[in-house]
Amino acid sequence: RPKCCSVVPVLYTGIFTTAAVENTLKELIEHGSYAAPFMDPEGIVIYHKASGVYFKKTIIGDEKPKNSKEE
């Protein structure tokens, strides 16, 4: 990677469970971002190793599509 680009921290490694996802989000809400110095992180990206697929989970508005106009 270029020197100007950093890598986001890994917040959890282990068995995929809903509880693990929720606990990781709770940590972000309580402690803020681990990648940058701010207290309002958006969410996490989950890599499911067995399927090779990425998922996202946001703290606010996760049930809506990213391009939704709903408030």
N, C-alpha and C. Protein backbone atom coordinates (compact mmCIF):
# COMPACT_ATOMS: atom_id res chain seq x y z
N ARG A 1 0.83 -1.19 0.00
CA ARG A 1 0.00 0.00 0.00
C ARG A 1 0.87 1.24 0.00
N PRO A 2 0.37 2.35 -0.54
CA PRO A 2 1.14 3.60 -0.50
C PRO A 2 1.29 4.10 0.93
N LYS A 3 2.34 4.83 1.22
CA LYS A 3 2.58 5.36 2.57
C LYS A 3 1.46 6.27 3.05
N CYS A 4 0.75 6.91 2.12
CA CYS A 4 -0.32 7.83 2.51
C CYS A 4 -1.61 7.11 2.91
N CYS A 5 -1.67 5.79 2.73
CA CYS A 5 -2.89 5.03 3.02
C CYS A 5 -2.68 4.13 4.24
N SER A 6 -3.62 4.20 5.15
CA SER A 6 -3.54 3.32 6.31
C SER A 6 -4.55 2.19 6.17
N VAL A 7 -4.40 1.19 7.01
CA VAL A 7 -5.29 0.05 7.01
C VAL A 7 -6.21 0.17 8.22
N VAL A 8 -7.48 -0.11 8.03
CA VAL A 8 -8.40 -0.02 9.16
C VAL A 8 -8.11 -1.15 10.14
N PRO A 9 -8.33 -0.91 11.43
CA PRO A 9 -8.03 -1.93 12.42
C PRO A 9 -9.05 -3.07 12.40
N VAL A 10 -8.60 -4.25 12.75
CA VAL A 10 -9.49 -5.40 12.93
C VAL A 10 -10.02 -5.32 14.36
N LEU A 11 -11.33 -5.26 14.51
CA LEU A 11 -11.95 -5.10 15.83
C LEU A 11 -12.34 -6.43 16.46
N TYR A 12 -12.48 -7.47 15.65
CA TYR A 12 -12.88 -8.78 16.16
C TYR A 12 -12.45 -9.85 15.17
N THR A 13 -11.98 -10.95 15.69
CA THR A 13 -11.69 -12.14 14.88
C THR A 13 -12.24 -13.32 15.66
N GLY A 14 -13.02 -14.15 14.99
CA GLY A 14 -13.56 -15.32 15.67
C GLY A 14 -14.81 -15.82 14.98
N ILE A 15 -15.55 -16.65 15.70
CA ILE A 15 -16.79 -17.23 15.17
C ILE A 15 -17.78 -16.11 14.89
N PHE A 16 -18.42 -16.16 13.73
CA PHE A 16 -19.43 -15.16 13.37
C PHE A 16 -20.71 -15.43 14.14
N THR A 17 -21.11 -14.46 14.96
CA THR A 17 -22.39 -14.52 15.67
C THR A 17 -22.99 -13.13 15.69
N THR A 18 -24.30 -13.08 15.83
CA THR A 18 -24.98 -11.79 15.96
C THR A 18 -24.47 -11.06 17.20
N ALA A 19 -24.24 -11.79 18.27
CA ALA A 19 -23.73 -11.18 19.51
C ALA A 19 -22.37 -10.54 19.29
N ALA A 20 -21.49 -11.17 18.53
CA ALA A 20 -20.17 -10.60 18.26
C ALA A 20 -20.30 -9.29 17.49
N VAL A 21 -21.20 -9.26 16.52
CA VAL A 21 -21.43 -8.05 15.74
C VAL A 21 -21.98 -6.95 16.65
N GLU A 22 -23.00 -7.25 17.43
CA GLU A 22 -23.61 -6.26 18.32
C GLU A 22 -22.63 -5.76 19.38
N ASN A 23 -21.80 -6.65 19.92
CA ASN A 23 -20.80 -6.23 20.92
C ASN A 23 -19.76 -5.30 20.30
N THR A 24 -19.37 -5.57 19.07
CA THR A 24 -18.40 -4.72 18.38
C THR A 24 -18.99 -3.34 18.14
N LEU A 25 -20.25 -3.29 17.71
CA LEU A 25 -20.91 -1.99 17.52
C LEU A 25 -21.04 -1.24 18.84
N LYS A 26 -21.35 -1.95 19.91
CA LYS A 26 -21.46 -1.33 21.24
C LYS A 26 -20.13 -0.69 21.64
N GLU A 27 -19.03 -1.39 21.39
CA GLU A 27 -17.70 -0.85 21.69
C GLU A 27 -17.45 0.45 20.92
N LEU A 28 -17.84 0.48 19.65
CA LEU A 28 -17.67 1.69 18.84
C LEU A 28 -18.50 2.84 19.40
N ILE A 29 -19.73 2.55 19.77
CA ILE A 29 -20.60 3.59 20.32
C ILE A 29 -20.00 4.16 21.60
N GLU A 30 -19.48 3.28 22.46
CA GLU A 30 -18.94 3.71 23.76
C GLU A 30 -17.58 4.39 23.65
N HIS A 31 -16.71 3.91 22.73
CA HIS A 31 -15.33 4.39 22.69
C HIS A 31 -14.97 5.21 21.46
N GLY A 32 -15.87 5.27 20.48
CA GLY A 32 -15.57 6.00 19.25
C GLY A 32 -14.76 5.17 18.29
N SER A 33 -14.33 5.80 17.23
CA SER A 33 -13.59 5.13 16.17
C SER A 33 -12.22 4.66 16.64
N TYR A 34 -11.81 3.51 16.17
CA TYR A 34 -10.46 3.01 16.43
C TYR A 34 -9.52 3.36 15.27
N ALA A 35 -10.10 3.90 14.19
CA ALA A 35 -9.30 4.23 13.01
C ALA A 35 -8.96 5.71 12.93
N ALA A 36 -9.80 6.55 13.54
CA ALA A 36 -9.61 8.00 13.48
C ALA A 36 -10.12 8.60 14.79
N PRO A 37 -9.61 9.77 15.16
CA PRO A 37 -9.98 10.35 16.46
C PRO A 37 -11.35 11.06 16.46
N PHE A 38 -12.43 10.30 16.37
CA PHE A 38 -13.75 10.90 16.50
C PHE A 38 -14.70 9.92 17.17
N MET A 39 -15.77 10.47 17.77
CA MET A 39 -16.69 9.67 18.56
C MET A 39 -17.96 9.25 17.82
N ASP A 40 -18.04 9.47 16.52
CA ASP A 40 -19.26 9.18 15.78
C ASP A 40 -18.99 8.23 14.61
N PRO A 41 -18.53 7.00 14.89
CA PRO A 41 -18.24 6.07 13.80
C PRO A 41 -19.53 5.63 13.11
N GLU A 42 -19.41 5.27 11.84
CA GLU A 42 -20.58 4.88 11.05
C GLU A 42 -20.99 3.43 11.28
N GLY A 43 -20.02 2.53 11.37
CA GLY A 43 -20.35 1.13 11.55
C GLY A 43 -19.16 0.25 11.26
N ILE A 44 -19.44 -0.99 10.86
CA ILE A 44 -18.38 -1.96 10.64
C ILE A 44 -18.59 -2.69 9.31
N VAL A 45 -17.52 -3.28 8.83
CA VAL A 45 -17.57 -4.20 7.69
C VAL A 45 -17.20 -5.57 8.24
N ILE A 46 -18.01 -6.56 7.89
CA ILE A 46 -17.83 -7.91 8.38
C ILE A 46 -17.38 -8.78 7.21
N TYR A 47 -16.27 -9.48 7.39
CA TYR A 47 -15.81 -10.43 6.37
C TYR A 47 -16.12 -11.83 6.86
N HIS A 48 -16.98 -12.53 6.13
CA HIS A 48 -17.32 -13.91 6.46
C HIS A 48 -16.36 -14.82 5.70
N LYS A 49 -15.37 -15.32 6.40
CA LYS A 49 -14.27 -16.05 5.78
C LYS A 49 -14.73 -17.30 5.01
N ALA A 50 -15.65 -18.06 5.57
CA ALA A 50 -16.09 -19.31 4.93
C ALA A 50 -16.73 -19.07 3.57
N SER A 51 -17.45 -17.96 3.43
CA SER A 51 -18.12 -17.67 2.15
C SER A 51 -17.35 -16.68 1.29
N GLY A 52 -16.37 -16.00 1.90
CA GLY A 52 -15.59 -15.01 1.15
C GLY A 52 -16.40 -13.78 0.80
N VAL A 53 -17.37 -13.44 1.64
CA VAL A 53 -18.29 -12.33 1.38
C VAL A 53 -18.16 -11.27 2.47
N TYR A 54 -18.32 -10.00 2.06
CA TYR A 54 -18.32 -8.87 2.99
C TYR A 54 -19.75 -8.40 3.23
N PHE A 55 -20.02 -8.01 4.47
CA PHE A 55 -21.29 -7.41 4.86
C PHE A 55 -20.99 -6.11 5.58
N LYS A 56 -21.97 -5.20 5.62
CA LYS A 56 -21.81 -3.98 6.41
C LYS A 56 -22.92 -3.92 7.44
N LYS A 57 -22.60 -3.29 8.56
CA LYS A 57 -23.58 -3.07 9.61
C LYS A 57 -23.33 -1.67 10.13
N THR A 58 -24.31 -0.79 9.95
CA THR A 58 -24.15 0.58 10.41
C THR A 58 -24.85 0.77 11.75
N ILE A 59 -24.40 1.75 12.50
CA ILE A 59 -24.96 2.02 13.82
C ILE A 59 -26.35 2.65 13.69
N ILE A 60 -26.50 3.57 12.75
CA ILE A 60 -27.78 4.25 12.54
C ILE A 60 -28.27 3.97 11.12
N GLY A 61 -29.54 3.59 10.99
CA GLY A 61 -30.15 3.43 9.67
C GLY A 61 -29.75 2.18 8.92
N ASP A 62 -29.32 1.14 9.62
CA ASP A 62 -28.85 -0.06 8.93
C ASP A 62 -29.96 -0.75 8.13
N GLU A 63 -31.20 -0.57 8.54
CA GLU A 63 -32.31 -1.25 7.87
C GLU A 63 -32.66 -0.62 6.53
N LYS A 64 -32.12 0.56 6.23
CA LYS A 64 -32.41 1.25 4.97
C LYS A 64 -31.25 1.08 3.98
N PRO A 65 -31.57 1.01 2.68
CA PRO A 65 -30.49 0.98 1.68
C PRO A 65 -29.68 2.28 1.72
N LYS A 66 -28.44 2.21 1.32
CA LYS A 66 -27.55 3.37 1.36
C LYS A 66 -28.10 4.55 0.60
N ASN A 67 -28.81 4.32 -0.52
CA ASN A 67 -29.31 5.42 -1.34
C ASN A 67 -30.74 5.83 -0.97
N SER A 68 -31.24 5.38 0.18
CA SER A 68 -32.61 5.71 0.59
C SER A 68 -32.72 7.18 0.96
N LYS A 69 -33.83 7.79 0.61
CA LYS A 69 -34.10 9.20 0.93
C LYS A 69 -34.88 9.33 2.24
N GLU A 70 -35.31 8.19 2.82
CA GLU A 70 -36.07 8.21 4.06
C GLU A 70 -35.21 8.71 5.21
N GLU A 71 -35.86 9.37 6.16
CA GLU A 71 -35.16 9.87 7.36
C GLU A 71 -35.41 8.94 8.51
